[in-house]
Amino acid sequence: MLSTGLPQGAVPRLERPGPLRDRVYEALLELIITRALSPGQHLVESELAGHLGVSRQPVREALQRLNTEGWVDLRPAQGAFVHEPTEQEADQLLTVRTLLEAEAARLAATSADDAGIAVLEELCAEGERAVAADDVDTAVALNARFHTKVMELAGNTVLAELAAQVERRVRWYYTPVARQRGHRSWEEHRELIAAIADHDEERATAVSRAHTEHTRKTYHERER
């Protein structure tokens, strides 16, 4: 076990083709989002480079980019650390998410077809199976796919672009409460599917708003 907290061999070595610094950035960002690298954790360039099978230079460049985007804190004379989000940061992000998701649900209720609703139902079934198996990583990924599909069914490109900008941070905040939200989250998804299938804009909006608010409240009440 290295000081970064990642088991030897847990991170696959990167393939060389393509812009290496971008691939390193994406790999580190995914490790942060999934909390394989936890908030506050010290990031040692040489150890991360060893995990990823690259030199320290692309790791250094990736950490600088992650710092600019607020995922990593670079502290003089101390090094790089995974950013620890404040309660205010989380609240602001999850509040914006509530607004975006509620509008997406309303629009989806006006235009979703049977094929789109079938996709939502299948994603929901997969999510329920993941929860039953206590597979948190898969449940988190399926939750993101479910909400992305609702955005797609909304048919508003600008709204979808805005949602995509916050999606990764939503996953970051959702991961530590995914197990706690558990089956209830997917029950709420089924309520949303029913409202969309009935083309009930008002109910879809209300269900979506309540659903995202439950996640926000659970995050603030989580065990630290």
C-alpha atoms as a PDB file:
ATOM      1  CA  MET A   1       0.000   0.000   0.000  1.00  0.00           C
ATOM      2  CA  LEU A   2       1.398   3.356  -1.019  1.00  0.00           C
ATOM      3  CA  SER A   3       0.799   6.592   0.881  1.00  0.00           C
ATOM      4  CA  THR A   4      -1.682   7.660  -1.804  1.00  0.00           C
ATOM      5  CA  GLY A   5      -3.946   4.917  -0.460  1.00  0.00           C
ATOM      6  CA  LEU A   6      -4.181   2.964  -3.717  1.00  0.00           C
ATOM      7  CA  PRO A   7      -3.311  -0.753  -3.698  1.00  0.00           C
ATOM      8  CA  GLN A   8      -0.510  -1.874  -5.998  1.00  0.00           C
ATOM      9  CA  GLY A   9      -2.011  -2.790  -9.369  1.00  0.00           C
ATOM     10  CA  ALA A  10      -5.383  -1.138  -8.645  1.00  0.00           C
ATOM     11  CA  VAL A  11      -4.862   1.493 -11.337  1.00  0.00           C
ATOM     12  CA  PRO A  12      -4.222   0.244 -14.877  1.00  0.00           C
ATOM     13  CA  ARG A  13      -1.206   1.624 -16.683  1.00  0.00           C
ATOM     14  CA  LEU A  14      -2.115   4.119 -19.354  1.00  0.00           C
ATOM     15  CA  GLU A  15      -1.745   3.389 -23.025  1.00  0.00           C
ATOM     16  CA  ARG A  16       0.783   5.669 -24.682  1.00  0.00           C
ATOM     17  CA  PRO A  17      -1.171   6.839 -27.791  1.00  0.00           C
ATOM     18  CA  GLY A  18      -2.922  10.185 -27.453  1.00  0.00           C
ATOM     19  CA  PRO A  19      -2.089  13.264 -25.361  1.00  0.00           C
ATOM     20  CA  LEU A  20      -0.600  11.683 -22.263  1.00  0.00           C
ATOM     21  CA  ARG A  21      -1.188  14.644 -19.971  1.00  0.00           C
ATOM     22  CA  ASP A  22      -4.893  14.570 -20.839  1.00  0.00           C
ATOM     23  CA  ARG A  23      -5.115  10.842 -20.137  1.00  0.00           C
ATOM     24  CA  VAL A  24      -3.352  11.297 -16.810  1.00  0.00           C
ATOM     25  CA  TYR A  25      -5.722  14.150 -15.977  1.00  0.00           C
ATOM     26  CA  GLU A  26      -8.780  12.016 -16.764  1.00  0.00           C
ATOM     27  CA  ALA A  27      -7.418   9.075 -14.753  1.00  0.00           C
ATOM     28  CA  LEU A  28      -6.700  11.197 -11.686  1.00  0.00           C
ATOM     29  CA  LEU A  29     -10.006  13.023 -11.946  1.00  0.00           C
ATOM     30  CA  GLU A  30     -11.896   9.725 -12.038  1.00  0.00           C
ATOM     31  CA  LEU A  31     -10.008   8.516  -8.960  1.00  0.00           C
ATOM     32  CA  ILE A  32     -10.983  11.730  -7.158  1.00  0.00           C
ATOM     33  CA  ILE A  33     -14.627  11.604  -8.241  1.00  0.00           C
ATOM     34  CA  THR A  34     -15.014   7.988  -7.125  1.00  0.00           C
ATOM     35  CA  ARG A  35     -13.137   8.855  -3.895  1.00  0.00           C
ATOM     36  CA  ALA A  36     -10.480   6.241  -4.487  1.00  0.00           C
ATOM     37  CA  LEU A  37      -8.410   9.346  -3.717  1.00  0.00           C
ATOM     38  CA  SER A  38     -10.263  10.861  -0.786  1.00  0.00           C
ATOM     39  CA  PRO A  39     -10.726  14.549   0.114  1.00  0.00           C
ATOM     40  CA  GLY A  40      -7.689  15.879   1.957  1.00  0.00           C
ATOM     41  CA  GLN A  41      -5.431  13.068   0.749  1.00  0.00           C
ATOM     42  CA  HIS A  42      -1.799  13.932  -0.032  1.00  0.00           C
ATOM     43  CA  LEU A  43      -0.945  13.340  -3.688  1.00  0.00           C
ATOM     44  CA  VAL A  44       2.681  12.366  -4.237  1.00  0.00           C
ATOM     45  CA  GLU A  45       3.793  12.875  -7.827  1.00  0.00           C
ATOM     46  CA  SER A  46       6.296  10.025  -7.899  1.00  0.00           C
ATOM     47  CA  GLU A  47       3.824   7.518  -6.462  1.00  0.00           C
ATOM     48  CA  LEU A  48       1.020   8.538  -8.800  1.00  0.00           C
ATOM     49  CA  ALA A  49       3.431   8.323 -11.722  1.00  0.00           C
ATOM     50  CA  GLY A  50       4.354   4.811 -10.637  1.00  0.00           C
ATOM     51  CA  HIS A  51       0.712   3.752 -10.437  1.00  0.00           C
ATOM     52  CA  LEU A  52      -0.026   5.120 -13.886  1.00  0.00           C
ATOM     53  CA  GLY A  53       3.220   3.984 -15.517  1.00  0.00           C
ATOM     54  CA  VAL A  54       4.257   7.458 -16.635  1.00  0.00           C
ATOM     55  CA  SER A  55       6.905  10.023 -15.778  1.00  0.00           C
ATOM     56  CA  ARG A  56       6.318  12.722 -13.190  1.00  0.00           C
ATOM     57  CA  GLN A  57       5.932  15.511 -15.771  1.00  0.00           C
ATOM     58  CA  PRO A  58       2.425  14.617 -17.051  1.00  0.00           C
ATOM     59  CA  VAL A  59       1.348  13.998 -13.440  1.00  0.00           C
ATOM     60  CA  ARG A  60       2.607  17.451 -12.458  1.00  0.00           C
ATOM     61  CA  GLU A  61       0.759  19.016 -15.406  1.00  0.00           C
ATOM     62  CA  ALA A  62      -2.429  17.132 -14.542  1.00  0.00           C
ATOM     63  CA  LEU A  63      -2.250  18.248 -10.905  1.00  0.00           C
ATOM     64  CA  GLN A  64      -1.849  21.858 -11.986  1.00  0.00           C
ATOM     65  CA  ARG A  65      -4.927  21.580 -14.195  1.00  0.00           C
ATOM     66  CA  LEU A  66      -6.887  19.890 -11.401  1.00  0.00           C
ATOM     67  CA  ASN A  67      -5.838  22.709  -9.087  1.00  0.00           C
ATOM     68  CA  THR A  68      -7.129  25.309 -11.549  1.00  0.00           C
ATOM     69  CA  GLU A  69     -10.466  23.490 -11.713  1.00  0.00           C
ATOM     70  CA  GLY A  70     -10.785  23.176  -7.938  1.00  0.00           C
ATOM     71  CA  TRP A  71     -10.269  19.423  -7.584  1.00  0.00           C
ATOM     72  CA  VAL A  72      -6.798  19.674  -6.040  1.00  0.00           C
ATOM     73  CA  ASP A  73      -5.173  22.158  -3.679  1.00  0.00           C
ATOM     74  CA  LEU A  74      -1.497  22.985  -4.252  1.00  0.00           C
ATOM     75  CA  ARG A  75       0.029  24.146  -0.973  1.00  0.00           C
ATOM     76  CA  PRO A  76       3.442  25.859  -0.928  1.00  0.00           C
ATOM     77  CA  ALA A  77       6.147  23.686   0.642  1.00  0.00           C
ATOM     78  CA  GLN A  78       3.584  20.921   1.291  1.00  0.00           C
ATOM     79  CA  GLY A  79       2.525  19.574  -2.085  1.00  0.00           C
ATOM     80  CA  ALA A  80      -0.767  18.586  -3.671  1.00  0.00           C
ATOM     81  CA  PHE A  81      -3.868  17.494  -1.776  1.00  0.00           C
ATOM     82  CA  VAL A  82      -7.328  16.420  -2.928  1.00  0.00           C
ATOM     83  CA  HIS A  83      -9.650  19.351  -2.316  1.00  0.00           C
ATOM     84  CA  GLU A  84     -11.944  19.054   0.698  1.00  0.00           C
ATOM     85  CA  PRO A  85     -15.298  20.571  -0.300  1.00  0.00           C
ATOM     86  CA  THR A  86     -16.931  22.843   2.224  1.00  0.00           C
ATOM     87  CA  GLU A  87     -20.576  22.418   3.167  1.00  0.00           C
ATOM     88  CA  GLN A  88     -21.293  25.712   1.401  1.00  0.00           C
ATOM     89  CA  GLU A  89     -19.673  24.511  -1.827  1.00  0.00           C
ATOM     90  CA  ALA A  90     -21.700  21.300  -1.732  1.00  0.00           C
ATOM     91  CA  ASP A  91     -24.910  23.152  -0.969  1.00  0.00           C
ATOM     92  CA  GLN A  92     -24.452  25.596  -3.835  1.00  0.00           C
ATOM     93  CA  LEU A  93     -23.660  22.847  -6.336  1.00  0.00           C
ATOM     94  CA  LEU A  94     -26.527  20.594  -5.257  1.00  0.00           C
ATOM     95  CA  THR A  95     -28.943  23.534  -5.259  1.00  0.00           C
ATOM     96  CA  VAL A  96     -28.047  24.300  -8.876  1.00  0.00           C
ATOM     97  CA  ARG A  97     -28.464  20.626  -9.682  1.00  0.00           C
ATOM     98  CA  THR A  98     -31.987  20.701  -8.227  1.00  0.00           C
ATOM     99  CA  LEU A  99     -32.937  23.569 -10.550  1.00  0.00           C
ATOM    100  CA  LEU A 100     -31.490  21.883 -13.643  1.00  0.00           C
ATOM    101  CA  GLU A 101     -32.972  18.466 -12.901  1.00  0.00           C
ATOM    102  CA  ALA A 102     -36.443  19.837 -12.153  1.00  0.00           C
ATOM    103  CA  GLU A 103     -36.590  21.684 -15.464  1.00  0.00           C
ATOM    104  CA  ALA A 104     -35.243  18.643 -17.325  1.00  0.00           C
ATOM    105  CA  ALA A 105     -37.962  16.483 -15.789  1.00  0.00           C
ATOM    106  CA  ARG A 106     -40.649  18.964 -16.807  1.00  0.00           C
ATOM    107  CA  LEU A 107     -39.421  19.073 -20.391  1.00  0.00           C
ATOM    108  CA  ALA A 108     -38.997  15.294 -20.552  1.00  0.00           C
ATOM    109  CA  ALA A 109     -42.624  14.919 -19.501  1.00  0.00           C
ATOM    110  CA  THR A 110     -43.681  16.958 -22.518  1.00  0.00           C
ATOM    111  CA  SER A 111     -41.755  15.008 -25.132  1.00  0.00           C
ATOM    112  CA  ALA A 112     -40.481  11.612 -23.949  1.00  0.00           C
ATOM    113  CA  ASP A 113     -41.480   8.695 -26.178  1.00  0.00           C
ATOM    114  CA  ASP A 114     -41.949   5.027 -25.303  1.00  0.00           C
ATOM    115  CA  ALA A 115     -38.392   4.155 -26.339  1.00  0.00           C
ATOM    116  CA  GLY A 116     -36.901   6.790 -24.044  1.00  0.00           C
ATOM    117  CA  ILE A 117     -39.070   5.714 -21.123  1.00  0.00           C
ATOM    118  CA  ALA A 118     -38.018   2.095 -21.707  1.00  0.00           C
ATOM    119  CA  VAL A 119     -34.374   3.143 -21.383  1.00  0.00           C
ATOM    120  CA  LEU A 120     -35.115   4.879 -18.084  1.00  0.00           C
ATOM    121  CA  GLU A 121     -36.876   1.762 -16.809  1.00  0.00           C
ATOM    122  CA  GLU A 122     -33.936  -0.462 -17.734  1.00  0.00           C
ATOM    123  CA  LEU A 123     -31.432   1.870 -16.095  1.00  0.00           C
ATOM    124  CA  CYS A 124     -33.619   1.896 -12.989  1.00  0.00           C
ATOM    125  CA  ALA A 125     -33.757  -1.906 -12.922  1.00  0.00           C
ATOM    126  CA  GLU A 126     -29.967  -2.078 -13.254  1.00  0.00           C
ATOM    127  CA  GLY A 127     -29.596   0.461 -10.456  1.00  0.00           C
ATOM    128  CA  GLU A 128     -31.851  -1.548  -8.177  1.00  0.00           C
ATOM    129  CA  ARG A 129     -29.778  -4.661  -8.859  1.00  0.00           C
ATOM    130  CA  ALA A 130     -26.584  -2.771  -8.058  1.00  0.00           C
ATOM    131  CA  VAL A 131     -28.035  -1.550  -4.758  1.00  0.00           C
ATOM    132  CA  ALA A 132     -29.174  -5.073  -3.884  1.00  0.00           C
ATOM    133  CA  ALA A 133     -25.628  -6.302  -4.549  1.00  0.00           C
ATOM    134  CA  ASP A 134     -24.171  -3.421  -2.500  1.00  0.00           C
ATOM    135  CA  ASP A 135     -22.190  -2.375  -5.585  1.00  0.00           C
ATOM    136  CA  VAL A 136     -21.859   1.323  -4.786  1.00  0.00           C
ATOM    137  CA  ASP A 137     -19.595   2.243  -7.717  1.00  0.00           C
ATOM    138  CA  THR A 138     -22.011   0.742 -10.248  1.00  0.00           C
ATOM    139  CA  ALA A 139     -25.003   2.328  -8.519  1.00  0.00           C
ATOM    140  CA  VAL A 140     -23.338   5.756  -8.672  1.00  0.00           C
ATOM    141  CA  ALA A 141     -22.490   5.317 -12.362  1.00  0.00           C
ATOM    142  CA  LEU A 142     -26.037   4.190 -13.181  1.00  0.00           C
ATOM    143  CA  ASN A 143     -27.488   7.097 -11.226  1.00  0.00           C
ATOM    144  CA  ALA A 144     -25.459   9.472 -13.408  1.00  0.00           C
ATOM    145  CA  ARG A 145     -26.603   7.670 -16.577  1.00  0.00           C
ATOM    146  CA  PHE A 146     -30.226   7.846 -15.468  1.00  0.00           C
ATOM    147  CA  HIS A 147     -30.135  11.599 -14.926  1.00  0.00           C
ATOM    148  CA  THR A 148     -28.209  12.104 -18.169  1.00  0.00           C
ATOM    149  CA  LYS A 149     -30.944  10.222 -20.016  1.00  0.00           C
ATOM    150  CA  VAL A 150     -33.626  12.449 -18.478  1.00  0.00           C
ATOM    151  CA  MET A 151     -31.619  15.437 -19.714  1.00  0.00           C
ATOM    152  CA  GLU A 152     -31.466  13.881 -23.170  1.00  0.00           C
ATOM    153  CA  LEU A 153     -35.230  13.337 -23.212  1.00  0.00           C
ATOM    154  CA  ALA A 154     -35.722  16.984 -22.227  1.00  0.00           C
ATOM    155  CA  GLY A 155     -34.405  17.931 -25.653  1.00  0.00           C
ATOM    156  CA  ASN A 156     -32.802  21.199 -24.560  1.00  0.00           C
ATOM    157  CA  THR A 157     -29.172  21.344 -25.681  1.00  0.00           C
ATOM    158  CA  VAL A 158     -28.215  24.322 -23.521  1.00  0.00           C
ATOM    159  CA  LEU A 159     -29.733  22.735 -20.432  1.00  0.00           C
ATOM    160  CA  ALA A 160     -27.865  19.493 -21.170  1.00  0.00           C
ATOM    161  CA  GLU A 161     -24.586  21.386 -21.549  1.00  0.00           C
ATOM    162  CA  LEU A 162     -25.075  23.132 -18.225  1.00  0.00           C
ATOM    163  CA  ALA A 163     -25.924  19.833 -16.541  1.00  0.00           C
ATOM    164  CA  ALA A 164     -22.803  18.215 -18.018  1.00  0.00           C
ATOM    165  CA  GLN A 165     -20.666  20.918 -16.415  1.00  0.00           C
ATOM    166  CA  VAL A 166     -21.840  19.939 -12.938  1.00  0.00           C
ATOM    167  CA  GLU A 167     -22.301  16.175 -13.489  1.00  0.00           C
ATOM    168  CA  ARG A 168     -18.835  15.164 -12.312  1.00  0.00           C
ATOM    169  CA  ARG A 169     -19.096  17.169  -9.129  1.00  0.00           C
ATOM    170  CA  VAL A 170     -22.552  15.744  -8.516  1.00  0.00           C
ATOM    171  CA  ARG A 171     -21.022  12.245  -8.698  1.00  0.00           C
ATOM    172  CA  TRP A 172     -18.324  13.373  -6.235  1.00  0.00           C
ATOM    173  CA  TYR A 173     -20.919  14.508  -3.721  1.00  0.00           C
ATOM    174  CA  TYR A 174     -23.282  11.595  -4.356  1.00  0.00           C
ATOM    175  CA  THR A 175     -20.699   8.824  -3.865  1.00  0.00           C
ATOM    176  CA  PRO A 176     -20.397   9.146  -0.057  1.00  0.00           C
ATOM    177  CA  VAL A 177     -24.183   9.006   0.391  1.00  0.00           C
ATOM    178  CA  ALA A 178     -25.060   6.473  -2.319  1.00  0.00           C
ATOM    179  CA  ARG A 179     -25.262   3.573   0.109  1.00  0.00           C
ATOM    180  CA  GLN A 180     -27.352   5.599   2.543  1.00  0.00           C
ATOM    181  CA  ARG A 181     -29.743   6.714  -0.205  1.00  0.00           C
ATOM    182  CA  GLY A 182     -29.925   3.096  -1.391  1.00  0.00           C
ATOM    183  CA  HIS A 183     -33.255   1.710  -2.563  1.00  0.00           C
ATOM    184  CA  ARG A 184     -35.137   4.894  -1.753  1.00  0.00           C
ATOM    185  CA  SER A 185     -33.258   6.782  -4.457  1.00  0.00           C
ATOM    186  CA  TRP A 186     -34.345   4.264  -7.082  1.00  0.00           C
ATOM    187  CA  GLU A 187     -37.915   4.244  -5.793  1.00  0.00           C
ATOM    188  CA  GLU A 188     -37.896   7.988  -6.423  1.00  0.00           C
ATOM    189  CA  HIS A 189     -36.528   7.336  -9.914  1.00  0.00           C
ATOM    190  CA  ARG A 190     -39.485   5.049 -10.578  1.00  0.00           C
ATOM    191  CA  GLU A 191     -41.878   7.778  -9.392  1.00  0.00           C
ATOM    192  CA  LEU A 192     -40.196  10.146 -11.843  1.00  0.00           C
ATOM    193  CA  ILE A 193     -40.476   7.657 -14.708  1.00  0.00           C
ATOM    194  CA  ALA A 194     -44.194   7.280 -14.004  1.00  0.00           C
ATOM    195  CA  ALA A 195     -44.723  11.050 -14.072  1.00  0.00           C
ATOM    196  CA  ILE A 196     -42.797  11.402 -17.335  1.00  0.00           C
ATOM    197  CA  ALA A 197     -44.671   8.477 -18.893  1.00  0.00           C
ATOM    198  CA  ASP A 198     -47.970  10.145 -17.928  1.00  0.00           C
ATOM    199  CA  HIS A 199     -46.733  13.410 -19.485  1.00  0.00           C
ATOM    200  CA  ASP A 200     -47.524  15.109 -16.188  1.00  0.00           C
ATOM    201  CA  GLU A 201     -45.210  18.126 -16.178  1.00  0.00           C
ATOM    202  CA  GLU A 202     -46.210  19.385 -12.757  1.00  0.00           C
ATOM    203  CA  ARG A 203     -45.753  16.003 -11.051  1.00  0.00           C
ATOM    204  CA  ALA A 204     -42.476  15.303 -12.840  1.00  0.00           C
ATOM    205  CA  THR A 205     -41.128  18.660 -11.682  1.00  0.00           C
ATOM    206  CA  ALA A 206     -42.212  18.067  -8.091  1.00  0.00           C
ATOM    207  CA  VAL A 207     -40.850  14.516  -7.961  1.00  0.00           C
ATOM    208  CA  SER A 208     -37.519  15.566  -9.447  1.00  0.00           C
ATOM    209  CA  ARG A 209     -37.169  18.514  -7.092  1.00  0.00           C
ATOM    210  CA  ALA A 210     -37.954  16.350  -4.062  1.00  0.00           C
ATOM    211  CA  HIS A 211     -35.542  13.657  -5.257  1.00  0.00           C
ATOM    212  CA  THR A 212     -32.581  15.981  -5.670  1.00  0.00           C
ATOM    213  CA  GLU A 213     -33.398  17.777  -2.432  1.00  0.00           C
ATOM    214  CA  HIS A 214     -33.341  14.439  -0.593  1.00  0.00           C
ATOM    215  CA  THR A 215     -29.824  13.854  -1.890  1.00  0.00           C
ATOM    216  CA  ARG A 216     -28.734  17.348  -0.830  1.00  0.00           C
ATOM    217  CA  LYS A 217     -30.180  16.864   2.655  1.00  0.00           C
ATOM    218  CA  THR A 218     -28.592  13.414   2.987  1.00  0.00           C
ATOM    219  CA  TYR A 219     -25.205  14.808   2.010  1.00  0.00           C
ATOM    220  CA  HIS A 220     -25.344  17.425   4.754  1.00  0.00           C
ATOM    221  CA  GLU A 221     -26.509  14.859   7.301  1.00  0.00           C
ATOM    222  CA  ARG A 222     -23.962  12.181   6.325  1.00  0.00           C
ATOM    223  CA  GLU A 223     -21.501  10.692   8.771  1.00  0.00           C
ATOM    224  CA  ARG A 224     -18.080  12.282   8.325  1.00  0.00           C
END
